[in-house]
Amino acid sequence: MRTDDWYFTQDLDDFLARAGSFLRSQPALHTVPLTVTETLRTRGAHVYGAGLPEFGVLERDGAVRASFFRTPPHWLNLTALTPEEADTLAARLAALGQRPPGVNADRDTAAAFTEAWQRHTGATATLRQRQRLYRLGALTAPGPAPPGGPRIAVEADRALLVRWHTEFSAAIGMGTVHEADEWADTRIEQGGVTFWETPDGTPVAMAGVTPRIAGQIRVASVYTPPHLRGRGYAGAATAEISRTALVSGAQEVLLFTDLANPTSNGLYQRIGYRPVADFAVYDFG
């Protein structure tokens, strides 16, 4: 279905045929749509929820200008839009009866779409989180390293991964995008979680990564249980999984932080991560 320059579809292959090259043209800024669409392609349309994913592509003069996706019941995710483009999209989605629970985009796009959405729907909006996207420069392992060493999570760790993922999701206040069971199974299958464990073999922190796509890998789900924090475990796990990502051939290693957490922002910068762009998440009521 076409509305002006926007094309809407629920067909992932159709969306990727239209927007795939555009998304790959800026893999760092488009890391979330790249990794989400790859997960949908490999794990199925309902990996993020029962509803069918929704996609949109803004085409102008034969070229893709922007795109969006949503995996119900989660937020609308937008690539960069001008205020005018954000207003047009908000009006079109509102006219179609769409009611996303919020929006996730770069800071300016998120603010522009939120303002337009309120105007077109009368909804209220609350800023949920301000985020910063970082890219790894020169990796600098924090020192001295805490006692122990890294280990990749395996099937025997499944129950712990499920519990820690649930705790991590609650701690960051962003809800559970993946079901914890599905997330654990996928990461075990991909070798995508590294523990830091003490000399007696007890895991004390974890850091996960997304699969490599378009040359980029994103570090995600870095977690240390509260009673074990402040001992360098998360920094050591993050440095190790970042090193592994580079060794695997990643051209870019990325991660998001909550700007309200100065500890994590400072830690990642000491490891060698440098700011790329700021993002924001709004809830609609």
Protein backbone atom coordinates (compact mmCIF):
# COMPACT_ATOMS: atom_id res chain seq x y z
CA MET A 1 0.00 0.00 0.00
CA ARG A 2 1.34 3.43 -0.92
CA THR A 3 0.63 6.76 0.74
CA ASP A 4 2.56 9.56 -0.90
CA ASP A 5 6.20 8.51 -0.76
CA TRP A 6 5.71 6.02 2.10
CA TYR A 7 5.37 2.33 1.31
CA PHE A 8 3.98 0.04 4.02
CA THR A 9 4.29 -3.74 4.20
CA GLN A 10 4.22 -6.69 6.59
CA ASP A 11 6.44 -8.74 4.28
CA LEU A 12 10.03 -8.87 5.56
CA ASP A 13 11.49 -9.94 2.22
CA ASP A 14 9.69 -7.09 0.47
CA PHE A 15 10.97 -4.63 3.05
CA LEU A 16 14.57 -5.83 2.78
CA ALA A 17 14.44 -5.78 -1.02
CA ARG A 18 13.49 -2.12 -0.84
CA ALA A 19 15.42 -0.91 2.21
CA GLY A 20 18.26 -3.39 2.70
CA SER A 21 20.89 -1.42 0.79
CA PHE A 22 19.84 1.77 2.55
CA LEU A 23 20.19 0.15 5.98
CA ARG A 24 23.60 -1.28 5.10
CA SER A 25 24.82 2.10 3.87
CA GLN A 26 25.14 3.31 7.49
CA PRO A 27 25.47 0.15 9.58
CA ALA A 28 26.30 1.93 12.82
CA LEU A 29 23.31 4.29 12.80
CA HIS A 30 21.09 1.47 11.51
CA THR A 31 22.37 -1.23 13.84
CA VAL A 32 18.99 -1.88 15.45
CA PRO A 33 16.93 -2.37 12.25
CA LEU A 34 19.76 -4.45 10.79
CA THR A 35 19.94 -6.81 13.75
CA VAL A 36 16.18 -6.98 14.31
CA THR A 37 15.42 -7.80 10.67
CA GLU A 38 18.18 -10.43 10.67
CA THR A 39 16.65 -11.99 13.78
CA LEU A 40 13.22 -11.99 12.15
CA ARG A 41 14.70 -13.60 9.04
CA THR A 42 16.47 -16.37 10.94
CA ARG A 43 14.14 -16.93 13.91
CA GLY A 44 10.70 -16.22 12.45
CA ALA A 45 8.15 -13.42 12.35
CA HIS A 46 6.90 -13.95 15.92
CA VAL A 47 10.23 -14.01 17.74
CA TYR A 48 9.48 -10.61 19.35
CA GLY A 49 5.75 -11.12 19.94
CA ALA A 50 2.51 -12.54 18.62
CA GLY A 51 1.71 -9.69 16.23
CA LEU A 52 3.05 -9.50 12.69
CA PRO A 53 5.96 -7.05 12.26
CA GLU A 54 5.22 -3.85 10.36
CA PHE A 55 7.62 -2.03 8.04
CA GLY A 56 7.73 1.19 6.09
CA VAL A 57 10.01 2.74 3.49
CA LEU A 58 10.17 6.39 2.45
CA GLU A 59 11.07 6.47 -1.24
CA ARG A 60 11.84 9.72 -3.00
CA ASP A 61 13.02 10.22 -6.58
CA GLY A 62 13.73 6.51 -6.87
CA ALA A 63 15.91 6.38 -3.74
CA VAL A 64 15.20 5.26 -0.18
CA ARG A 65 15.23 8.20 2.21
CA ALA A 66 14.21 6.51 5.48
CA SER A 67 12.52 3.47 6.98
CA PHE A 68 10.75 2.19 10.05
CA PHE A 69 9.84 -1.11 11.67
CA ARG A 70 7.71 -2.23 14.57
CA THR A 71 7.48 -5.64 16.17
CA PRO A 72 4.21 -5.52 18.15
CA PRO A 73 3.80 -4.95 21.03
CA HIS A 74 7.06 -2.94 21.04
CA TRP A 75 8.00 0.60 20.09
CA LEU A 76 8.08 2.07 16.62
CA ASN A 77 11.72 2.30 15.49
CA LEU A 78 12.62 5.05 12.99
CA THR A 79 15.69 5.94 10.99
CA ALA A 80 16.49 9.65 10.73
CA LEU A 81 13.61 11.88 9.54
CA THR A 82 13.20 15.61 9.07
CA PRO A 83 10.41 17.22 11.11
CA GLU A 84 8.28 17.40 7.96
CA GLU A 85 8.82 13.71 7.21
CA ALA A 86 8.07 12.80 10.81
CA ASP A 87 4.84 14.80 10.66
CA THR A 88 3.73 13.08 7.44
CA LEU A 89 4.44 9.64 8.85
CA ALA A 90 2.63 10.38 12.12
CA ALA A 91 -0.42 11.61 10.18
CA ARG A 92 -0.46 8.53 7.94
CA LEU A 93 -0.08 6.05 10.80
CA ALA A 94 -2.76 7.81 12.84
CA ALA A 95 -5.15 7.75 9.87
CA LEU A 96 -4.57 4.00 9.50
CA GLY A 97 -5.53 3.47 13.15
CA GLN A 98 -2.02 2.50 14.22
CA ARG A 99 -1.34 3.01 17.92
CA PRO A 100 2.30 2.20 18.74
CA PRO A 101 3.13 2.35 22.46
CA GLY A 102 6.05 4.68 21.79
CA VAL A 103 8.96 5.52 19.54
CA ASN A 104 12.69 4.80 19.50
CA ALA A 105 14.93 6.85 17.18
CA ASP A 106 17.81 9.28 17.11
CA ARG A 107 17.18 12.15 19.51
CA ASP A 108 15.92 14.73 16.98
CA THR A 109 13.76 12.29 15.03
CA ALA A 110 12.21 10.87 18.21
CA ALA A 111 11.35 14.37 19.46
CA ALA A 112 9.91 15.44 16.09
CA PHE A 113 7.78 12.32 15.70
CA THR A 114 6.57 12.51 19.31
CA GLU A 115 5.45 16.11 18.88
CA ALA A 116 3.68 15.24 15.62
CA TRP A 117 2.06 12.15 17.14
CA GLN A 118 0.66 14.15 20.04
CA ARG A 119 -0.72 16.72 17.63
CA HIS A 120 -2.37 14.19 15.33
CA THR A 121 -3.72 11.83 17.99
CA GLY A 122 -4.07 13.80 21.23
CA ALA A 123 -1.86 11.22 22.93
CA THR A 124 0.36 12.05 25.87
CA ALA A 125 4.07 11.27 25.74
CA THR A 126 6.75 10.59 28.33
CA LEU A 127 10.49 10.45 27.79
CA ARG A 128 11.45 6.95 28.92
CA GLN A 129 15.19 6.93 28.26
CA ARG A 130 18.01 8.91 26.66
CA GLN A 131 20.62 6.68 25.05
CA ARG A 132 24.03 7.12 23.47
CA LEU A 133 25.40 4.93 20.70
CA TYR A 134 29.13 4.23 20.96
CA ARG A 135 31.61 2.79 18.47
CA LEU A 136 34.78 0.99 19.57
CA GLY A 137 38.02 2.76 18.71
CA ALA A 138 41.27 1.38 20.10
CA LEU A 139 40.37 -1.34 22.60
CA THR A 140 41.99 -0.81 25.99
CA ALA A 141 41.40 -3.63 28.46
CA PRO A 142 40.75 -2.27 31.96
CA GLY A 143 43.49 -3.07 34.39
CA PRO A 144 44.27 -4.69 36.57
CA ALA A 145 41.86 -7.43 35.51
CA PRO A 146 39.76 -8.93 38.32
CA PRO A 147 40.62 -12.48 39.41
CA GLY A 148 39.34 -15.19 37.12
CA GLY A 149 38.74 -15.16 33.38
CA PRO A 150 36.27 -15.29 30.48
CA ARG A 151 34.16 -18.22 29.35
CA ILE A 152 31.53 -18.56 26.62
CA ALA A 153 28.10 -19.56 27.93
CA VAL A 154 26.89 -23.05 27.01
CA GLU A 155 23.70 -25.09 27.36
CA ALA A 156 24.44 -25.90 31.01
CA ASP A 157 24.24 -22.15 31.72
CA ARG A 158 20.76 -21.74 30.27
CA ALA A 159 18.90 -21.27 33.56
CA LEU A 160 21.38 -18.63 34.69
CA LEU A 161 21.14 -16.79 31.36
CA VAL A 162 17.35 -16.75 31.57
CA ARG A 163 17.46 -15.35 35.10
CA TRP A 164 20.12 -12.75 34.36
CA HIS A 165 18.39 -11.60 31.18
CA THR A 166 15.16 -11.09 33.12
CA GLU A 167 17.01 -9.15 35.83
CA PHE A 168 18.88 -7.09 33.22
CA SER A 169 15.65 -6.15 31.42
CA ALA A 170 14.07 -5.06 34.70
CA ALA A 171 17.18 -3.09 35.69
CA ILE A 172 17.35 -1.02 32.50
CA GLY A 173 13.61 -0.29 32.59
CA MET A 174 13.07 -1.07 28.91
CA GLY A 175 10.95 -4.19 29.25
CA THR A 176 11.74 -7.55 27.69
CA VAL A 177 12.01 -7.31 23.91
CA HIS A 178 12.95 -10.99 23.65
CA GLU A 179 11.39 -13.66 25.83
CA ALA A 180 14.20 -14.68 28.18
CA ASP A 181 14.04 -18.33 27.09
CA GLU A 182 14.27 -17.45 23.39
CA TRP A 183 17.11 -15.00 24.05
CA ALA A 184 19.09 -17.58 26.03
CA ASP A 185 18.61 -20.30 23.42
CA THR A 186 19.68 -17.99 20.60
CA ARG A 187 22.77 -16.73 22.38
CA ILE A 188 23.86 -20.24 23.38
CA GLU A 189 23.42 -21.42 19.80
CA GLN A 190 25.48 -18.49 18.48
CA GLY A 191 28.11 -18.47 21.24
CA GLY A 192 26.93 -14.93 21.86
CA VAL A 193 27.41 -14.50 25.63
CA THR A 194 30.69 -14.32 27.50
CA PHE A 195 30.84 -14.72 31.26
CA TRP A 196 33.52 -13.41 33.55
CA GLU A 197 33.95 -16.06 36.20
CA THR A 198 35.97 -16.22 39.40
CA PRO A 199 38.87 -18.66 39.82
CA ASP A 200 36.48 -21.24 41.31
CA GLY A 201 34.35 -21.16 38.12
CA THR A 202 31.47 -19.01 39.39
CA PRO A 203 30.00 -16.62 36.75
CA VAL A 204 29.89 -13.07 38.13
CA ALA A 205 29.06 -10.97 35.03
CA MET A 206 27.98 -11.41 31.43
CA ALA A 207 28.24 -9.52 28.16
CA GLY A 208 26.38 -10.50 25.01
CA VAL A 209 26.70 -9.61 21.32
CA THR A 210 24.39 -9.57 18.35
CA PRO A 211 25.35 -11.56 15.22
CA ARG A 212 27.55 -9.79 12.68
CA ILE A 213 25.62 -8.15 9.86
CA ALA A 214 26.81 -5.47 7.44
CA GLY A 215 30.18 -5.63 9.16
CA GLN A 216 28.88 -4.53 12.57
CA ILE A 217 28.41 -6.35 15.86
CA ARG A 218 26.64 -4.75 18.82
CA VAL A 219 27.49 -5.49 22.44
CA ALA A 220 24.28 -5.97 24.39
CA SER A 221 22.99 -7.28 27.72
CA VAL A 222 26.01 -6.39 29.86
CA TYR A 223 24.99 -7.37 33.39
CA THR A 224 26.46 -7.90 36.83
CA PRO A 225 24.18 -8.86 39.75
CA PRO A 226 23.91 -5.93 42.19
CA HIS A 227 25.83 -7.60 45.04
CA LEU A 228 28.84 -8.20 42.74
CA ARG A 229 29.15 -4.73 41.21
CA GLY A 230 32.11 -2.40 41.61
CA ARG A 231 34.74 -5.12 41.21
CA GLY A 232 35.55 -4.73 37.51
CA TYR A 233 33.70 -7.83 36.33
CA ALA A 234 31.48 -6.12 33.73
CA GLY A 235 34.39 -4.15 32.30
CA ALA A 236 36.47 -7.29 31.94
CA ALA A 237 33.60 -9.20 30.26
CA THR A 238 32.88 -6.31 27.91
CA ALA A 239 36.53 -5.91 26.94
CA GLU A 240 36.81 -9.63 26.24
CA ILE A 241 33.67 -9.87 24.12
CA SER A 242 34.69 -6.70 22.26
CA ARG A 243 38.08 -8.25 21.52
CA THR A 244 36.39 -11.43 20.30
CA ALA A 245 34.12 -9.39 18.01
CA LEU A 246 37.15 -7.72 16.44
CA VAL A 247 38.94 -11.04 16.00
CA SER A 248 35.84 -12.47 14.30
CA GLY A 249 36.16 -9.80 11.60
CA ALA A 250 33.75 -7.09 12.70
CA GLN A 251 34.46 -3.76 11.05
CA GLU A 252 32.53 -1.91 13.74
CA VAL A 253 31.76 -2.89 17.33
CA LEU A 254 28.92 -0.86 18.83
CA LEU A 255 26.92 -0.52 22.02
CA PHE A 256 24.15 1.61 23.51
CA THR A 257 24.18 3.10 26.99
CA ASP A 258 21.60 4.77 29.19
CA LEU A 259 22.78 8.37 29.55
CA ALA A 260 21.32 8.41 33.07
CA ASN A 261 24.03 5.90 34.12
CA PRO A 262 27.38 7.75 34.33
CA THR A 263 29.16 4.64 35.61
CA SER A 264 28.56 2.59 32.47
CA ASN A 265 29.22 5.54 30.18
CA GLY A 266 32.55 6.16 31.86
CA LEU A 267 33.47 2.48 31.82
CA TYR A 268 32.88 2.02 28.11
CA GLN A 269 34.83 5.14 27.24
CA ARG A 270 37.79 3.87 29.27
CA ILE A 271 37.68 0.62 27.30
CA GLY A 272 37.86 2.60 24.06
CA TYR A 273 34.28 3.29 22.97
CA ARG A 274 33.60 6.72 21.43
CA PRO A 275 30.23 8.49 20.99
CA VAL A 276 28.44 8.25 17.64
CA ALA A 277 24.94 9.67 18.20
CA ASP A 278 22.27 10.18 20.84
CA PHE A 279 18.92 8.39 20.77
CA ALA A 280 15.69 8.70 22.75
CA VAL A 281 12.77 6.46 23.65
CA TYR A 282 9.32 7.93 24.32
CA ASP A 283 6.20 6.20 25.67
CA PHE A 284 2.79 7.22 24.33
CA GLY A 285 -0.30 7.25 26.51
